[in-house]
Amino acid sequence: MPMTSTLDQLTLYRGIYSRVARKLGVDPSYVSRVARGDRSSQAVTDALAAEIQKIDAKHRTKASGKGGIKVKRGRA
């Protein structure tokens, strides 16, 4: 896999701890500690898993060429 492709994929995850922390009303450093295994929180673990699934789904859609703006087609 080319390096730029790998870096592009990694940028999709930028801000994940902040987004999860904002949703749960906790500090991003707490989310980071849970992700590293230093702390335990099922709510944070579930929220991280959901956010990762959302990112992966967006990436799959983008990679398949099916992403972008959807245009309704109707009668004129």
PDB file of N, CA and C in Angstrom:
ATOM      1  N   MET A   1       0.852  -1.178   0.000  1.00  0.00           N
ATOM      2  CA  MET A   1       0.000   0.000   0.000  1.00  0.00           C
ATOM      3  C   MET A   1       0.897   1.240   0.000  1.00  0.00           C
ATOM      4  N   PRO A   2       0.620   2.212  -0.859  1.00  0.00           N
ATOM      5  CA  PRO A   2       1.435   3.425  -0.884  1.00  0.00           C
ATOM      6  C   PRO A   2       1.322   4.196   0.419  1.00  0.00           C
ATOM      7  N   MET A   3       2.403   4.886   0.757  1.00  0.00           N
ATOM      8  CA  MET A   3       2.454   5.630   2.017  1.00  0.00           C
ATOM      9  C   MET A   3       1.369   6.701   2.089  1.00  0.00           C
ATOM     10  N   THR A   4       1.115   7.414   1.001  1.00  0.00           N
ATOM     11  CA  THR A   4       0.106   8.472   1.045  1.00  0.00           C
ATOM     12  C   THR A   4      -1.274   7.901   1.326  1.00  0.00           C
ATOM     13  N   SER A   5      -1.568   6.727   0.788  1.00  0.00           N
ATOM     14  CA  SER A   5      -2.851   6.095   1.044  1.00  0.00           C
ATOM     15  C   SER A   5      -3.000   5.764   2.530  1.00  0.00           C
ATOM     16  N   THR A   6      -1.940   5.250   3.125  1.00  0.00           N
ATOM     17  CA  THR A   6      -1.953   4.926   4.554  1.00  0.00           C
ATOM     18  C   THR A   6      -2.146   6.189   5.381  1.00  0.00           C
ATOM     19  N   LEU A   7      -1.434   7.250   5.035  1.00  0.00           N
ATOM     20  CA  LEU A   7      -1.564   8.507   5.773  1.00  0.00           C
ATOM     21  C   LEU A   7      -2.955   9.094   5.610  1.00  0.00           C
ATOM     22  N   ASP A   8      -3.515   8.990   4.416  1.00  0.00           N
ATOM     23  CA  ASP A   8      -4.881   9.469   4.199  1.00  0.00           C
ATOM     24  C   ASP A   8      -5.867   8.724   5.089  1.00  0.00           C
ATOM     25  N   GLN A   9      -5.674   7.408   5.222  1.00  0.00           N
ATOM     26  CA  GLN A   9      -6.564   6.621   6.067  1.00  0.00           C
ATOM     27  C   GLN A   9      -6.429   7.027   7.529  1.00  0.00           C
ATOM     28  N   LEU A  10      -5.201   7.288   7.964  1.00  0.00           N
ATOM     29  CA  LEU A  10      -4.987   7.663   9.358  1.00  0.00           C
ATOM     30  C   LEU A  10      -5.625   9.007   9.695  1.00  0.00           C
ATOM     31  N   THR A  11      -5.665   9.920   8.737  1.00  0.00           N
ATOM     32  CA  THR A  11      -6.253  11.231   9.018  1.00  0.00           C
ATOM     33  C   THR A  11      -7.747  11.128   9.289  1.00  0.00           C
ATOM     34  N   LEU A  12      -8.378  10.046   8.844  1.00  0.00           N
ATOM     35  CA  LEU A  12      -9.802   9.856   9.121  1.00  0.00           C
ATOM     36  C   LEU A  12     -10.065   9.744  10.621  1.00  0.00           C
ATOM     37  N   TYR A  13      -9.060   9.266  11.360  1.00  0.00           N
ATOM     38  CA  TYR A  13      -9.222   9.050  12.801  1.00  0.00           C
ATOM     39  C   TYR A  13      -8.837  10.260  13.639  1.00  0.00           C
ATOM     40  N   ARG A  14      -8.337  11.306  13.017  1.00  0.00           N
ATOM     41  CA  ARG A  14      -7.938  12.502  13.762  1.00  0.00           C
ATOM     42  C   ARG A  14      -9.144  13.057  14.515  1.00  0.00           C
ATOM     43  N   GLY A  15      -8.970  13.312  15.776  1.00  0.00           N
ATOM     44  CA  GLY A  15     -10.026  13.910  16.584  1.00  0.00           C
ATOM     45  C   GLY A  15     -11.012  12.926  17.185  1.00  0.00           C
ATOM     46  N   ILE A  16     -10.754  11.637  17.041  1.00  0.00           N
ATOM     47  CA  ILE A  16     -11.715  10.644  17.540  1.00  0.00           C
ATOM     48  C   ILE A  16     -11.888  10.746  19.058  1.00  0.00           C
ATOM     49  N   TYR A  17     -10.799  10.946  19.796  1.00  0.00           N
ATOM     50  CA  TYR A  17     -10.910  11.040  21.261  1.00  0.00           C
ATOM     51  C   TYR A  17     -11.718  12.271  21.649  1.00  0.00           C
ATOM     52  N   SER A  18     -11.498  13.376  20.949  1.00  0.00           N
ATOM     53  CA  SER A  18     -12.251  14.602  21.251  1.00  0.00           C
ATOM     54  C   SER A  18     -13.733  14.433  20.955  1.00  0.00           C
ATOM     55  N   ARG A  19     -14.049  13.802  19.813  1.00  0.00           N
ATOM     56  CA  ARG A  19     -15.465  13.597  19.467  1.00  0.00           C
ATOM     57  C   ARG A  19     -16.158  12.705  20.490  1.00  0.00           C
ATOM     58  N   VAL A  20     -15.497  11.615  20.870  1.00  0.00           N
ATOM     59  CA  VAL A  20     -16.085  10.701  21.860  1.00  0.00           C
ATOM     60  C   VAL A  20     -16.226  11.408  23.207  1.00  0.00           C
ATOM     61  N   ALA A  21     -15.198  12.144  23.604  1.00  0.00           N
ATOM     62  CA  ALA A  21     -15.247  12.859  24.881  1.00  0.00           C
ATOM     63  C   ALA A  21     -16.392  13.862  24.908  1.00  0.00           C
ATOM     64  N   ARG A  22     -16.584  14.591  23.806  1.00  0.00           N
ATOM     65  CA  ARG A  22     -17.656  15.581  23.726  1.00  0.00           C
ATOM     66  C   ARG A  22     -19.017  14.896  23.846  1.00  0.00           C
ATOM     67  N   LYS A  23     -19.184  13.757  23.176  1.00  0.00           N
ATOM     68  CA  LYS A  23     -20.455  13.032  23.229  1.00  0.00           C
ATOM     69  C   LYS A  23     -20.778  12.541  24.639  1.00  0.00           C
ATOM     70  N   LEU A  24     -19.726  12.138  25.378  1.00  0.00           N
ATOM     71  CA  LEU A  24     -19.944  11.551  26.708  1.00  0.00           C
ATOM     72  C   LEU A  24     -19.785  12.555  27.846  1.00  0.00           C
ATOM     73  N   GLY A  25     -19.299  13.751  27.531  1.00  0.00           N
ATOM     74  CA  GLY A  25     -19.104  14.756  28.572  1.00  0.00           C
ATOM     75  C   GLY A  25     -17.922  14.456  29.480  1.00  0.00           C
ATOM     76  N   VAL A  26     -16.868  13.867  28.899  1.00  0.00           N
ATOM     77  CA  VAL A  26     -15.660  13.563  29.667  1.00  0.00           C
ATOM     78  C   VAL A  26     -14.466  14.239  28.998  1.00  0.00           C
ATOM     79  N   ASP A  27     -13.310  14.171  29.646  1.00  0.00           N
ATOM     80  CA  ASP A  27     -12.092  14.767  29.098  1.00  0.00           C
ATOM     81  C   ASP A  27     -11.485  13.841  28.040  1.00  0.00           C
ATOM     82  N   PRO A  28     -10.948  14.415  26.957  1.00  0.00           N
ATOM     83  CA  PRO A  28     -10.305  13.579  25.933  1.00  0.00           C
ATOM     84  C   PRO A  28      -9.158  12.724  26.477  1.00  0.00           C
ATOM     85  N   SER A  29      -8.467  13.209  27.501  1.00  0.00           N
ATOM     86  CA  SER A  29      -7.376  12.408  28.066  1.00  0.00           C
ATOM     87  C   SER A  29      -7.916  11.147  28.737  1.00  0.00           C
ATOM     88  N   TYR A  30      -9.125  11.215  29.274  1.00  0.00           N
ATOM     89  CA  TYR A  30      -9.750  10.028  29.865  1.00  0.00           C
ATOM     90  C   TYR A  30     -10.051   8.997  28.773  1.00  0.00           C
ATOM     91  N   VAL A  31     -10.573   9.475  27.642  1.00  0.00           N
ATOM     92  CA  VAL A  31     -10.852   8.590  26.512  1.00  0.00           C
ATOM     93  C   VAL A  31      -9.557   7.922  26.051  1.00  0.00           C
ATOM     94  N   SER A  32      -8.485   8.694  25.992  1.00  0.00           N
ATOM     95  CA  SER A  32      -7.185   8.165  25.596  1.00  0.00           C
ATOM     96  C   SER A  32      -6.712   7.084  26.564  1.00  0.00           C
ATOM     97  N   ARG A  33      -6.883   7.327  27.855  1.00  0.00           N
ATOM     98  CA  ARG A  33      -6.452   6.340  28.857  1.00  0.00           C
ATOM     99  C   ARG A  33      -7.265   5.055  28.771  1.00  0.00           C
ATOM    100  N   VAL A  34      -8.559   5.187  28.484  1.00  0.00           N
ATOM    101  CA  VAL A  34      -9.394   3.998  28.308  1.00  0.00           C
ATOM    102  C   VAL A  34      -8.931   3.240  27.056  1.00  0.00           C
ATOM    103  N   ALA A  35      -8.662   3.971  25.981  1.00  0.00           N
ATOM    104  CA  ALA A  35      -8.222   3.331  24.735  1.00  0.00           C
ATOM    105  C   ALA A  35      -6.893   2.591  24.922  1.00  0.00           C
ATOM    106  N   ARG A  36      -6.009   3.137  25.749  1.00  0.00           N
ATOM    107  CA  ARG A  36      -4.712   2.492  26.014  1.00  0.00           C
ATOM    108  C   ARG A  36      -4.833   1.331  26.985  1.00  0.00           C
ATOM    109  N   GLY A  37      -5.947   1.256  27.705  1.00  0.00           N
ATOM    110  CA  GLY A  37      -6.132   0.189  28.672  1.00  0.00           C
ATOM    111  C   GLY A  37      -5.716   0.569  30.082  1.00  0.00           C
ATOM    112  N   ASP A  38      -5.357   1.848  30.281  1.00  0.00           N
ATOM    113  CA  ASP A  38      -4.987   2.308  31.627  1.00  0.00           C
ATOM    114  C   ASP A  38      -6.205   2.450  32.532  1.00  0.00           C
ATOM    115  N   ARG A  39      -7.366   2.734  31.940  1.00  0.00           N
ATOM    116  CA  ARG A  39      -8.626   2.870  32.678  1.00  0.00           C
ATOM    117  C   ARG A  39      -9.664   1.988  32.014  1.00  0.00           C
ATOM    118  N   SER A  40     -10.777   1.795  32.688  1.00  0.00           N
ATOM    119  CA  SER A  40     -11.829   0.944  32.149  1.00  0.00           C
ATOM    120  C   SER A  40     -13.158   1.695  32.167  1.00  0.00           C
ATOM    121  N   SER A  41     -13.837   1.706  31.023  1.00  0.00           N
ATOM    122  CA  SER A  41     -15.158   2.317  30.928  1.00  0.00           C
ATOM    123  C   SER A  41     -15.883   1.697  29.745  1.00  0.00           C
ATOM    124  N   GLN A  42     -16.955   0.992  30.017  1.00  0.00           N
ATOM    125  CA  GLN A  42     -17.719   0.362  28.940  1.00  0.00           C
ATOM    126  C   GLN A  42     -18.340   1.418  28.036  1.00  0.00           C
ATOM    127  N   ALA A  43     -18.793   2.532  28.615  1.00  0.00           N
ATOM    128  CA  ALA A  43     -19.402   3.602  27.808  1.00  0.00           C
ATOM    129  C   ALA A  43     -18.397   4.175  26.814  1.00  0.00           C
ATOM    130  N   VAL A  44     -17.172   4.432  27.273  1.00  0.00           N
ATOM    131  CA  VAL A  44     -16.139   4.972  26.384  1.00  0.00           C
ATOM    132  C   VAL A  44     -15.761   3.936  25.336  1.00  0.00           C
ATOM    133  N   THR A  45     -15.609   2.684  25.737  1.00  0.00           N
ATOM    134  CA  THR A  45     -15.266   1.615  24.804  1.00  0.00           C
ATOM    135  C   THR A  45     -16.334   1.482  23.719  1.00  0.00           C
ATOM    136  N   ASP A  46     -17.594   1.503  24.123  1.00  0.00           N
ATOM    137  CA  ASP A  46     -18.694   1.398  23.159  1.00  0.00           C
ATOM    138  C   ASP A  46     -18.722   2.598  22.215  1.00  0.00           C
ATOM    139  N   ALA A  47     -18.511   3.800  22.765  1.00  0.00           N
ATOM    140  CA  ALA A  47     -18.524   5.010  21.940  1.00  0.00           C
ATOM    141  C   ALA A  47     -17.360   5.013  20.949  1.00  0.00           C
ATOM    142  N   LEU A  48     -16.178   4.556  21.389  1.00  0.00           N
ATOM    143  CA  LEU A  48     -15.033   4.460  20.476  1.00  0.00           C
ATOM    144  C   LEU A  48     -15.324   3.460  19.357  1.00  0.00           C
ATOM    145  N   ALA A  49     -15.887   2.318  19.711  1.00  0.00           N
ATOM    146  CA  ALA A  49     -16.208   1.301  18.709  1.00  0.00           C
ATOM    147  C   ALA A  49     -17.214   1.843  17.686  1.00  0.00           C
ATOM    148  N   ALA A  50     -18.221   2.559  18.165  1.00  0.00           N
ATOM    149  CA  ALA A  50     -19.224   3.128  17.268  1.00  0.00           C
ATOM    150  C   ALA A  50     -18.603   4.168  16.341  1.00  0.00           C
ATOM    151  N   GLU A  51     -17.737   5.006  16.879  1.00  0.00           N
ATOM    152  CA  GLU A  51     -17.077   6.042  16.076  1.00  0.00           C
ATOM    153  C   GLU A  51     -16.168   5.410  15.027  1.00  0.00           C
ATOM    154  N   ILE A  52     -15.449   4.356  15.401  1.00  0.00           N
ATOM    155  CA  ILE A  52     -14.575   3.661  14.451  1.00  0.00           C
ATOM    156  C   ILE A  52     -15.412   3.018  13.340  1.00  0.00           C
ATOM    157  N   GLN A  53     -16.540   2.417  13.692  1.00  0.00           N
ATOM    158  CA  GLN A  53     -17.416   1.824  12.671  1.00  0.00           C
ATOM    159  C   GLN A  53     -17.925   2.887  11.702  1.00  0.00           C
ATOM    160  N   LYS A  54     -18.264   4.066  12.243  1.00  0.00           N
ATOM    161  CA  LYS A  54     -18.747   5.161  11.405  1.00  0.00           C
ATOM    162  C   LYS A  54     -17.650   5.607  10.430  1.00  0.00           C
ATOM    163  N   ILE A  55     -16.422   5.754  10.939  1.00  0.00           N
ATOM    164  CA  ILE A  55     -15.295   6.166  10.101  1.00  0.00           C
ATOM    165  C   ILE A  55     -15.027   5.111   9.032  1.00  0.00           C
ATOM    166  N   ASP A  56     -15.014   3.846   9.427  1.00  0.00           N
ATOM    167  CA  ASP A  56     -14.758   2.769   8.472  1.00  0.00           C
ATOM    168  C   ASP A  56     -15.828   2.732   7.378  1.00  0.00           C
ATOM    169  N   ALA A  57     -17.083   2.950   7.751  1.00  0.00           N
ATOM    170  CA  ALA A  57     -18.165   2.952   6.770  1.00  0.00           C
ATOM    171  C   ALA A  57     -17.983   4.100   5.777  1.00  0.00           C
ATOM    172  N   LYS A  58     -17.605   5.269   6.272  1.00  0.00           N
ATOM    173  CA  LYS A  58     -17.354   6.411   5.380  1.00  0.00           C
ATOM    174  C   LYS A  58     -16.200   6.111   4.443  1.00  0.00           C
ATOM    175  N   HIS A  59     -15.153   5.489   4.975  1.00  0.00           N
ATOM    176  CA  HIS A  59     -13.987   5.173   4.155  1.00  0.00           C
ATOM    177  C   HIS A  59     -14.349   4.159   3.069  1.00  0.00           C
ATOM    178  N   ARG A  60     -15.129   3.141   3.422  1.00  0.00           N
ATOM    179  CA  ARG A  60     -15.534   2.144   2.430  1.00  0.00           C
ATOM    180  C   ARG A  60     -16.381   2.788   1.339  1.00  0.00           C
ATOM    181  N   THR A  61     -17.279   3.689   1.716  1.00  0.00           N
ATOM    182  CA  THR A  61     -18.123   4.376   0.750  1.00  0.00           C
ATOM    183  C   THR A  61     -17.276   5.239  -0.175  1.00  0.00           C
ATOM    184  N   LYS A  62     -16.328   5.954   0.418  1.00  0.00           N
ATOM    185  CA  LYS A  62     -15.455   6.827  -0.368  1.00  0.00           C
ATOM    186  C   LYS A  62     -14.577   6.004  -1.311  1.00  0.00           C
ATOM    187  N   ALA A  63     -14.043   4.894  -0.821  1.00  0.00           N
ATOM    188  CA  ALA A  63     -13.157   4.045  -1.620  1.00  0.00           C
ATOM    189  C   ALA A  63     -13.906   3.369  -2.767  1.00  0.00           C
ATOM    190  N   SER A  64     -15.202   3.101  -2.583  1.00  0.00           N
ATOM    191  CA  SER A  64     -15.967   2.431  -3.623  1.00  0.00           C
ATOM    192  C   SER A  64     -16.465   3.409  -4.681  1.00  0.00           C
ATOM    193  N   GLY A  65     -16.281   4.710  -4.422  1.00  0.00           N
ATOM    194  CA  GLY A  65     -16.730   5.704  -5.388  1.00  0.00           C
ATOM    195  C   GLY A  65     -18.205   6.018  -5.297  1.00  0.00           C
ATOM    196  N   LYS A  66     -18.842   5.551  -4.240  1.00  0.00           N
ATOM    197  CA  LYS A  66     -20.281   5.766  -4.084  1.00  0.00           C
ATOM    198  C   LYS A  66     -20.588   6.940  -3.162  1.00  0.00           C
ATOM    199  N   GLY A  67     -19.554   7.627  -2.697  1.00  0.00           N
ATOM    200  CA  GLY A  67     -19.770   8.762  -1.803  1.00  0.00           C
ATOM    201  C   GLY A  67     -20.103  10.005  -2.605  1.00  0.00           C
ATOM    202  N   GLY A  68     -20.184  11.101  -1.903  1.00  0.00           N
ATOM    203  CA  GLY A  68     -20.416  12.366  -2.588  1.00  0.00           C
ATOM    204  C   GLY A  68     -21.826  12.857  -2.376  1.00  0.00           C
ATOM    205  N   ILE A  69     -22.189  13.826  -3.168  1.00  0.00           N
ATOM    206  CA  ILE A  69     -23.490  14.477  -3.041  1.00  0.00           C
ATOM    207  C   ILE A  69     -24.532  13.635  -3.774  1.00  0.00           C
ATOM    208  N   LYS A  70     -25.618  13.399  -3.095  1.00  0.00           N
ATOM    209  CA  LYS A  70     -26.694  12.643  -3.720  1.00  0.00           C
ATOM    210  C   LYS A  70     -27.674  13.640  -4.333  1.00  0.00           C
ATOM    211  N   VAL A  71     -28.047  13.384  -5.562  1.00  0.00           N
ATOM    212  CA  VAL A  71     -28.950  14.268  -6.273  1.00  0.00           C
ATOM    213  C   VAL A  71     -30.264  13.534  -6.501  1.00  0.00           C
ATOM    214  N   LYS A  72     -31.348  14.170  -6.085  1.00  0.00           N
ATOM    215  CA  LYS A  72     -32.659  13.581  -6.337  1.00  0.00           C
ATOM    216  C   LYS A  72     -33.006  13.801  -7.795  1.00  0.00           C
ATOM    217  N   ARG A  73     -33.438  12.760  -8.406  1.00  0.00           N
ATOM    218  CA  ARG A  73     -33.853  12.866  -9.815  1.00  0.00           C
ATOM    219  C   ARG A  73     -35.359  12.714  -9.859  1.00  0.00           C
ATOM    220  N   GLY A  74     -35.984  13.684 -10.419  1.00  0.00           N
ATOM    221  CA  GLY A  74     -37.435  13.638 -10.510  1.00  0.00           C
ATOM    222  C   GLY A  74     -37.887  14.181 -11.844  1.00  0.00           C
ATOM    223  N   ARG A  75     -39.140  14.384 -11.942  1.00  0.00           N
ATOM    224  CA  ARG A  75     -39.680  14.930 -13.187  1.00  0.00           C
ATOM    225  C   ARG A  75     -39.542  16.434 -13.160  1.00  0.00           C
ATOM    226  N   ALA A  76     -39.234  16.974 -14.307  1.00  0.00           N
ATOM    227  CA  ALA A  76     -39.078  18.424 -14.428  1.00  0.00           C
ATOM    228  C   ALA A  76     -40.376  19.092 -14.761  1.00  0.00           C
TER     229      ALA A  76
END
